[in-house]
């Protein structure tokens, strides 16, 4: 009976982490949609909804501690619990990046409207896809898929550096205060999108740990 109980609790924890990931994915989509539409109310909703993610993270963390204290897991079971905790922590951080993008949107809404660079659309699509794909890897417990996702992080880095260089040049060449503030704000948006990709790589490493017990560095 104790073994069956432990397996049920592990399964419930995995489901909770997948729920976290699904919420994170929707938060990124909502933050980027608010950015594209220059919608401060939609951006504010992203900030409010972050409380749901924080609550889920708290529940996962407390459940992990409870299972460890009551079931005294060892070997593979303990590895599963620690891996789930690591992944939940990374997802919570990704949610924070979505909130930061929403905050930057609030700043941009107060500045003159100008078209967004193409890199932002590409980076946004890539960030959403990476989060979606890493959730699939987690659900299917696919170490191979996780490694493959991490291997494609260089595309996000390439887009980020292109946007970074152009925006820094824009700041240096201009005398318009509002234009400079806009460029700086967009630099922060780009940075947070790039950090999402980095956290996805961390989740990929955690999935490899879950499935193999190996601590690896990917990306």
C-alpha atoms as a PDB file:
ATOM      1  CA  UNK A   1       0.000   0.000   0.000  1.00  0.00           C
ATOM      2  CA  UNK A   2       2.735   2.582   0.796  1.00  0.00           C
ATOM      3  CA  UNK A   3       4.270   1.990  -2.652  1.00  0.00           C
ATOM      4  CA  UNK A   4       0.936   2.554  -4.386  1.00  0.00           C
ATOM      5  CA  UNK A   5       0.377   5.723  -2.368  1.00  0.00           C
ATOM      6  CA  UNK A   6       3.798   7.055  -3.314  1.00  0.00           C
ATOM      7  CA  UNK A   7       3.220   6.376  -7.008  1.00  0.00           C
ATOM      8  CA  UNK A   8      -0.124   8.191  -6.872  1.00  0.00           C
ATOM      9  CA  UNK A   9       1.469  11.182  -5.167  1.00  0.00           C
ATOM     10  CA  UNK A  10       4.279  11.295  -7.731  1.00  0.00           C
ATOM     11  CA  UNK A  11       1.733  11.171 -10.557  1.00  0.00           C
ATOM     12  CA  UNK A  12      -0.274  13.977  -8.945  1.00  0.00           C
ATOM     13  CA  UNK A  13       2.866  16.101  -8.640  1.00  0.00           C
ATOM     14  CA  UNK A  14       3.704  15.596 -12.308  1.00  0.00           C
ATOM     15  CA  UNK A  15       0.175  16.647 -13.232  1.00  0.00           C
ATOM     16  CA  UNK A  16       0.519  19.783 -11.128  1.00  0.00           C
ATOM     17  CA  UNK A  17       3.778  20.677 -12.845  1.00  0.00           C
ATOM     18  CA  UNK A  18       2.165  20.179 -16.257  1.00  0.00           C
ATOM     19  CA  UNK A  19      -0.641  22.523 -15.158  1.00  0.00           C
ATOM     20  CA  UNK A  20       2.013  25.051 -14.204  1.00  0.00           C
ATOM     21  CA  UNK A  21       3.597  24.699 -17.620  1.00  0.00           C
ATOM     22  CA  UNK A  22       0.285  25.138 -19.411  1.00  0.00           C
ATOM     23  CA  UNK A  23      -0.389  28.298 -17.426  1.00  0.00           C
ATOM     24  CA  UNK A  24       3.094  29.605 -18.152  1.00  0.00           C
ATOM     25  CA  UNK A  25       2.587  29.039 -21.864  1.00  0.00           C
ATOM     26  CA  UNK A  26      -0.694  30.960 -21.814  1.00  0.00           C
ATOM     27  CA  UNK A  27       0.916  33.757 -19.793  1.00  0.00           C
ATOM     28  CA  UNK A  28       3.661  34.211 -22.382  1.00  0.00           C
ATOM     29  CA  UNK A  29       1.094  34.249 -25.178  1.00  0.00           C
ATOM     30  CA  UNK A  30      -1.013  36.818 -23.325  1.00  0.00           C
ATOM     31  CA  UNK A  31       1.984  39.037 -22.536  1.00  0.00           C
ATOM     32  CA  UNK A  32       3.131  39.049 -26.158  1.00  0.00           C
ATOM     33  CA  UNK A  33      -0.391  39.682 -27.414  1.00  0.00           C
ATOM     34  CA  UNK A  34      -0.663  42.676 -25.083  1.00  0.00           C
ATOM     35  CA  UNK A  35       2.694  43.915 -26.389  1.00  0.00           C
ATOM     36  CA  UNK A  36       1.620  43.619 -30.029  1.00  0.00           C
ATOM     37  CA  UNK A  37      -1.715  45.358 -29.404  1.00  0.00           C
ATOM     38  CA  UNK A  38      -0.313  47.928 -26.970  1.00  0.00           C
ATOM     39  CA  UNK A  39      -3.033  46.932 -24.539  1.00  0.00           C
ATOM     40  CA  UNK A  40      -2.262  48.012 -20.951  1.00  0.00           C
ATOM     41  CA  UNK A  41      -5.352  46.285 -19.526  1.00  0.00           C
ATOM     42  CA  UNK A  42      -4.337  42.950 -21.051  1.00  0.00           C
ATOM     43  CA  UNK A  43      -0.818  43.459 -19.709  1.00  0.00           C
ATOM     44  CA  UNK A  44      -2.200  44.122 -16.241  1.00  0.00           C
ATOM     45  CA  UNK A  45      -4.227  40.903 -16.415  1.00  0.00           C
ATOM     46  CA  UNK A  46      -0.988  38.972 -17.010  1.00  0.00           C
ATOM     47  CA  UNK A  47       0.388  40.494 -13.835  1.00  0.00           C
ATOM     48  CA  UNK A  48      -2.725  39.570 -11.842  1.00  0.00           C
ATOM     49  CA  UNK A  49      -2.855  36.026 -13.179  1.00  0.00           C
ATOM     50  CA  UNK A  50       0.693  35.394 -12.000  1.00  0.00           C
ATOM     51  CA  UNK A  51      -0.787  34.784  -8.555  1.00  0.00           C
ATOM     52  CA  UNK A  52      -2.324  31.535  -9.843  1.00  0.00           C
ATOM     53  CA  UNK A  53       1.097  30.329 -10.958  1.00  0.00           C
ATOM     54  CA  UNK A  54       2.687  31.292  -7.658  1.00  0.00           C
ATOM     55  CA  UNK A  55      -0.015  29.398  -5.778  1.00  0.00           C
ATOM     56  CA  UNK A  56       0.516  26.279  -7.885  1.00  0.00           C
ATOM     57  CA  UNK A  57       4.250  26.481  -7.247  1.00  0.00           C
ATOM     58  CA  UNK A  58       3.673  26.773  -3.513  1.00  0.00           C
ATOM     59  CA  UNK A  59       1.384  23.730  -3.587  1.00  0.00           C
ATOM     60  CA  UNK A  60       3.941  21.655  -5.531  1.00  0.00           C
ATOM     61  CA  UNK A  61       6.734  22.612  -3.153  1.00  0.00           C
ATOM     62  CA  UNK A  62       4.662  21.793  -0.071  1.00  0.00           C
ATOM     63  CA  UNK A  63       3.534  18.492  -1.572  1.00  0.00           C
ATOM     64  CA  UNK A  64       7.136  17.499  -2.325  1.00  0.00           C
ATOM     65  CA  UNK A  65       8.155  18.225   1.270  1.00  0.00           C
ATOM     66  CA  UNK A  66       5.167  16.289   2.600  1.00  0.00           C
ATOM     67  CA  UNK A  67       5.935  13.211   0.469  1.00  0.00           C
ATOM     68  CA  UNK A  68       9.582  13.247   1.517  1.00  0.00           C
ATOM     69  CA  UNK A  69       8.673  13.517   5.204  1.00  0.00           C
ATOM     70  CA  UNK A  70       5.865  10.926   5.191  1.00  0.00           C
ATOM     71  CA  UNK A  71       7.009   8.387   2.578  1.00  0.00           C
ATOM     72  CA  UNK A  72      10.785   8.565   3.076  1.00  0.00           C
ATOM     73  CA  UNK A  73      11.515   7.911  -0.622  1.00  0.00           C
ATOM     74  CA  UNK A  74      14.899   6.683  -1.789  1.00  0.00           C
ATOM     75  CA  UNK A  75      16.730   6.157  -5.093  1.00  0.00           C
ATOM     76  CA  UNK A  76      14.565   6.771  -8.184  1.00  0.00           C
ATOM     77  CA  UNK A  77      11.570   8.068  -6.204  1.00  0.00           C
ATOM     78  CA  UNK A  78      13.643  10.707  -4.449  1.00  0.00           C
ATOM     79  CA  UNK A  79      15.160  11.689  -7.785  1.00  0.00           C
ATOM     80  CA  UNK A  80      11.659  12.102  -9.236  1.00  0.00           C
ATOM     81  CA  UNK A  81      10.638  14.356  -6.366  1.00  0.00           C
ATOM     82  CA  UNK A  82      13.722  16.542  -6.628  1.00  0.00           C
ATOM     83  CA  UNK A  83      13.418  16.720 -10.417  1.00  0.00           C
ATOM     84  CA  UNK A  84       9.778  17.811 -10.171  1.00  0.00           C
ATOM     85  CA  UNK A  85      10.742  20.491  -7.676  1.00  0.00           C
ATOM     86  CA  UNK A  86      13.518  21.782  -9.949  1.00  0.00           C
ATOM     87  CA  UNK A  87      11.174  21.942 -12.951  1.00  0.00           C
ATOM     88  CA  UNK A  88       8.434  23.702 -10.981  1.00  0.00           C
ATOM     89  CA  UNK A  89      10.962  26.311  -9.868  1.00  0.00           C
ATOM     90  CA  UNK A  90      12.086  26.945 -13.449  1.00  0.00           C
ATOM     91  CA  UNK A  91       8.492  27.280 -14.642  1.00  0.00           C
ATOM     92  CA  UNK A  92       7.742  29.778 -11.889  1.00  0.00           C
ATOM     93  CA  UNK A  93      10.708  31.849 -13.036  1.00  0.00           C
ATOM     94  CA  UNK A  94       9.524  31.712 -16.655  1.00  0.00           C
ATOM     95  CA  UNK A  95       6.190  33.059 -15.453  1.00  0.00           C
ATOM     96  CA  UNK A  96       8.059  35.946 -13.837  1.00  0.00           C
ATOM     97  CA  UNK A  97       9.597  36.806 -17.212  1.00  0.00           C
ATOM     98  CA  UNK A  98       6.117  36.959 -18.751  1.00  0.00           C
ATOM     99  CA  UNK A  99       5.108  39.391 -16.004  1.00  0.00           C
ATOM    100  CA  UNK A 100       8.161  41.537 -16.690  1.00  0.00           C
ATOM    101  CA  UNK A 101       7.258  41.683 -20.393  1.00  0.00           C
ATOM    102  CA  UNK A 102       3.768  42.803 -19.344  1.00  0.00           C
ATOM    103  CA  UNK A 103       5.302  45.551 -17.198  1.00  0.00           C
ATOM    104  CA  UNK A 104       7.433  46.718 -20.114  1.00  0.00           C
ATOM    105  CA  UNK A 105       4.281  46.826 -22.226  1.00  0.00           C
ATOM    106  CA  UNK A 106       2.780  49.242 -19.733  1.00  0.00           C
ATOM    107  CA  UNK A 107       5.774  51.532 -20.263  1.00  0.00           C
ATOM    108  CA  UNK A 108       5.593  51.250 -24.058  1.00  0.00           C
ATOM    109  CA  UNK A 109       1.898  52.138 -24.058  1.00  0.00           C
ATOM    110  CA  UNK A 110       2.809  55.559 -22.721  1.00  0.00           C
ATOM    111  CA  UNK A 111       5.215  56.238 -25.594  1.00  0.00           C
ATOM    112  CA  UNK A 112       4.600  57.124 -29.261  1.00  0.00           C
ATOM    113  CA  UNK A 113       3.616  54.071 -31.300  1.00  0.00           C
ATOM    114  CA  UNK A 114       6.133  52.600 -33.715  1.00  0.00           C
ATOM    115  CA  UNK A 115       6.195  49.210 -35.450  1.00  0.00           C
ATOM    116  CA  UNK A 116       7.926  46.424 -33.565  1.00  0.00           C
ATOM    117  CA  UNK A 117      11.006  44.891 -35.117  1.00  0.00           C
ATOM    118  CA  UNK A 118      10.472  41.530 -36.772  1.00  0.00           C
ATOM    119  CA  UNK A 119      12.792  39.903 -34.223  1.00  0.00           C
ATOM    120  CA  UNK A 120      10.220  40.364 -31.478  1.00  0.00           C
ATOM    121  CA  UNK A 121       7.582  38.375 -33.326  1.00  0.00           C
ATOM    122  CA  UNK A 122      10.099  35.647 -34.111  1.00  0.00           C
ATOM    123  CA  UNK A 123      11.458  35.536 -30.559  1.00  0.00           C
ATOM    124  CA  UNK A 124       7.951  35.445 -29.123  1.00  0.00           C
ATOM    125  CA  UNK A 125       6.871  32.575 -31.359  1.00  0.00           C
ATOM    126  CA  UNK A 126      10.046  30.690 -30.540  1.00  0.00           C
ATOM    127  CA  UNK A 127       9.627  31.184 -26.783  1.00  0.00           C
ATOM    128  CA  UNK A 128       6.051  29.859 -26.878  1.00  0.00           C
ATOM    129  CA  UNK A 129       7.101  26.881 -29.008  1.00  0.00           C
ATOM    130  CA  UNK A 130       9.998  26.025 -26.709  1.00  0.00           C
ATOM    131  CA  UNK A 131       7.791  26.046 -23.620  1.00  0.00           C
ATOM    132  CA  UNK A 132       5.153  23.956 -25.399  1.00  0.00           C
ATOM    133  CA  UNK A 133       7.727  21.452 -26.651  1.00  0.00           C
ATOM    134  CA  UNK A 134       9.451  21.062 -23.291  1.00  0.00           C
ATOM    135  CA  UNK A 135       6.070  20.299 -21.713  1.00  0.00           C
ATOM    136  CA  UNK A 136       5.571  17.576 -24.313  1.00  0.00           C
ATOM    137  CA  UNK A 137       8.990  16.175 -23.417  1.00  0.00           C
ATOM    138  CA  UNK A 138       8.020  16.179 -19.741  1.00  0.00           C
ATOM    139  CA  UNK A 139       4.647  14.524 -20.347  1.00  0.00           C
ATOM    140  CA  UNK A 140       6.195  11.788 -22.487  1.00  0.00           C
ATOM    141  CA  UNK A 141       9.302  11.528 -20.283  1.00  0.00           C
ATOM    142  CA  UNK A 142      11.444  11.916 -23.387  1.00  0.00           C
ATOM    143  CA  UNK A 143      15.098  12.550 -22.641  1.00  0.00           C
ATOM    144  CA  UNK A 144      15.843  12.611 -26.386  1.00  0.00           C
ATOM    145  CA  UNK A 145      13.227  15.293 -27.062  1.00  0.00           C
ATOM    146  CA  UNK A 146      14.499  17.389 -24.148  1.00  0.00           C
ATOM    147  CA  UNK A 147      18.058  17.270 -25.479  1.00  0.00           C
ATOM    148  CA  UNK A 148      16.841  18.226 -28.955  1.00  0.00           C
ATOM    149  CA  UNK A 149      14.948  21.269 -27.647  1.00  0.00           C
ATOM    150  CA  UNK A 150      17.992  22.510 -25.746  1.00  0.00           C
ATOM    151  CA  UNK A 151      20.145  22.108 -28.848  1.00  0.00           C
ATOM    152  CA  UNK A 152      18.028  24.705 -30.674  1.00  0.00           C
ATOM    153  CA  UNK A 153      18.579  27.468 -28.097  1.00  0.00           C
ATOM    154  CA  UNK A 154      21.137  29.104 -30.405  1.00  0.00           C
ATOM    155  CA  UNK A 155      18.341  30.414 -32.663  1.00  0.00           C
ATOM    156  CA  UNK A 156      16.935  32.499 -29.796  1.00  0.00           C
ATOM    157  CA  UNK A 157      20.437  33.761 -28.990  1.00  0.00           C
ATOM    158  CA  UNK A 158      20.946  34.800 -32.619  1.00  0.00           C
ATOM    159  CA  UNK A 159      17.690  36.769 -32.714  1.00  0.00           C
ATOM    160  CA  UNK A 160      18.404  38.371 -29.359  1.00  0.00           C
ATOM    161  CA  UNK A 161      21.870  39.570 -30.358  1.00  0.00           C
ATOM    162  CA  UNK A 162      20.524  40.994 -33.619  1.00  0.00           C
ATOM    163  CA  UNK A 163      17.823  42.930 -31.780  1.00  0.00           C
ATOM    164  CA  UNK A 164      20.303  43.999 -29.095  1.00  0.00           C
ATOM    165  CA  UNK A 165      22.792  45.429 -31.559  1.00  0.00           C
ATOM    166  CA  UNK A 166      20.138  47.331 -33.524  1.00  0.00           C
ATOM    167  CA  UNK A 167      18.491  48.790 -30.428  1.00  0.00           C
ATOM    168  CA  UNK A 168      21.799  49.858 -28.874  1.00  0.00           C
ATOM    169  CA  UNK A 169      22.688  51.565 -32.141  1.00  0.00           C
ATOM    170  CA  UNK A 170      19.285  53.269 -32.096  1.00  0.00           C
ATOM    171  CA  UNK A 171      19.960  54.589 -28.591  1.00  0.00           C
ATOM    172  CA  UNK A 172      23.411  55.844 -29.568  1.00  0.00           C
ATOM    173  CA  UNK A 173      22.304  57.575 -32.760  1.00  0.00           C
ATOM    174  CA  UNK A 174      19.243  59.357 -31.421  1.00  0.00           C
ATOM    175  CA  UNK A 175      18.617  62.515 -29.431  1.00  0.00           C
ATOM    176  CA  UNK A 176      14.936  61.783 -28.813  1.00  0.00           C
ATOM    177  CA  UNK A 177      14.387  60.986 -25.121  1.00  0.00           C
ATOM    178  CA  UNK A 178      11.164  59.056 -25.729  1.00  0.00           C
ATOM    179  CA  UNK A 179      12.796  57.108 -28.554  1.00  0.00           C
ATOM    180  CA  UNK A 180      15.692  56.161 -26.281  1.00  0.00           C
ATOM    181  CA  UNK A 181      13.306  55.051 -23.532  1.00  0.00           C
ATOM    182  CA  UNK A 182      11.400  52.937 -26.048  1.00  0.00           C
ATOM    183  CA  UNK A 183      14.599  51.285 -27.262  1.00  0.00           C
ATOM    184  CA  UNK A 184      15.756  50.566 -23.699  1.00  0.00           C
ATOM    185  CA  UNK A 185      12.350  49.112 -22.822  1.00  0.00           C
ATOM    186  CA  UNK A 186      12.430  46.862 -25.887  1.00  0.00           C
ATOM    187  CA  UNK A 187      15.930  45.736 -24.910  1.00  0.00           C
ATOM    188  CA  UNK A 188      14.457  44.544 -21.624  1.00  0.00           C
ATOM    189  CA  UNK A 189      11.630  42.736 -23.444  1.00  0.00           C
ATOM    190  CA  UNK A 190      14.175  40.988 -25.676  1.00  0.00           C
ATOM    191  CA  UNK A 191      16.288  40.072 -22.664  1.00  0.00           C
ATOM    192  CA  UNK A 192      13.329  38.474 -20.902  1.00  0.00           C
ATOM    193  CA  UNK A 193      12.423  36.457 -23.999  1.00  0.00           C
ATOM    194  CA  UNK A 194      16.012  35.240 -24.197  1.00  0.00           C
ATOM    195  CA  UNK A 195      15.913  34.288 -20.522  1.00  0.00           C
ATOM    196  CA  UNK A 196      12.765  32.216 -21.128  1.00  0.00           C
ATOM    197  CA  UNK A 197      14.760  30.143 -23.600  1.00  0.00           C
ATOM    198  CA  UNK A 198      17.566  29.740 -21.073  1.00  0.00           C
ATOM    199  CA  UNK A 199      15.100  28.471 -18.468  1.00  0.00           C
ATOM    200  CA  UNK A 200      13.650  26.028 -20.986  1.00  0.00           C
ATOM    201  CA  UNK A 201      17.164  24.635 -21.393  1.00  0.00           C
ATOM    202  CA  UNK A 202      17.340  24.255 -17.617  1.00  0.00           C
ATOM    203  CA  UNK A 203      14.066  22.290 -17.704  1.00  0.00           C
ATOM    204  CA  UNK A 204      15.550  20.089 -20.422  1.00  0.00           C
ATOM    205  CA  UNK A 205      18.489  19.371 -18.122  1.00  0.00           C
ATOM    206  CA  UNK A 206      16.063  18.537 -15.309  1.00  0.00           C
ATOM    207  CA  UNK A 207      14.194  16.092 -17.556  1.00  0.00           C
ATOM    208  CA  UNK A 208      17.466  14.349 -18.388  1.00  0.00           C
ATOM    209  CA  UNK A 209      18.152  14.138 -14.644  1.00  0.00           C
ATOM    210  CA  UNK A 210      14.680  12.726 -14.026  1.00  0.00           C
ATOM    211  CA  UNK A 211      15.069   9.999 -16.612  1.00  0.00           C
ATOM    212  CA  UNK A 212      18.754   9.091 -16.261  1.00  0.00           C
ATOM    213  CA  UNK A 213      20.020  10.442 -12.953  1.00  0.00           C
ATOM    214  CA  UNK A 214      22.717  12.322 -14.880  1.00  0.00           C
ATOM    215  CA  UNK A 215      23.470  15.981 -14.204  1.00  0.00           C
ATOM    216  CA  UNK A 216      24.226  17.528 -17.592  1.00  0.00           C
ATOM    217  CA  UNK A 217      24.731  20.942 -19.162  1.00  0.00           C
ATOM    218  CA  UNK A 218      22.831  21.420 -22.417  1.00  0.00           C
ATOM    219  CA  UNK A 219      22.462  24.236 -24.900  1.00  0.00           C
END
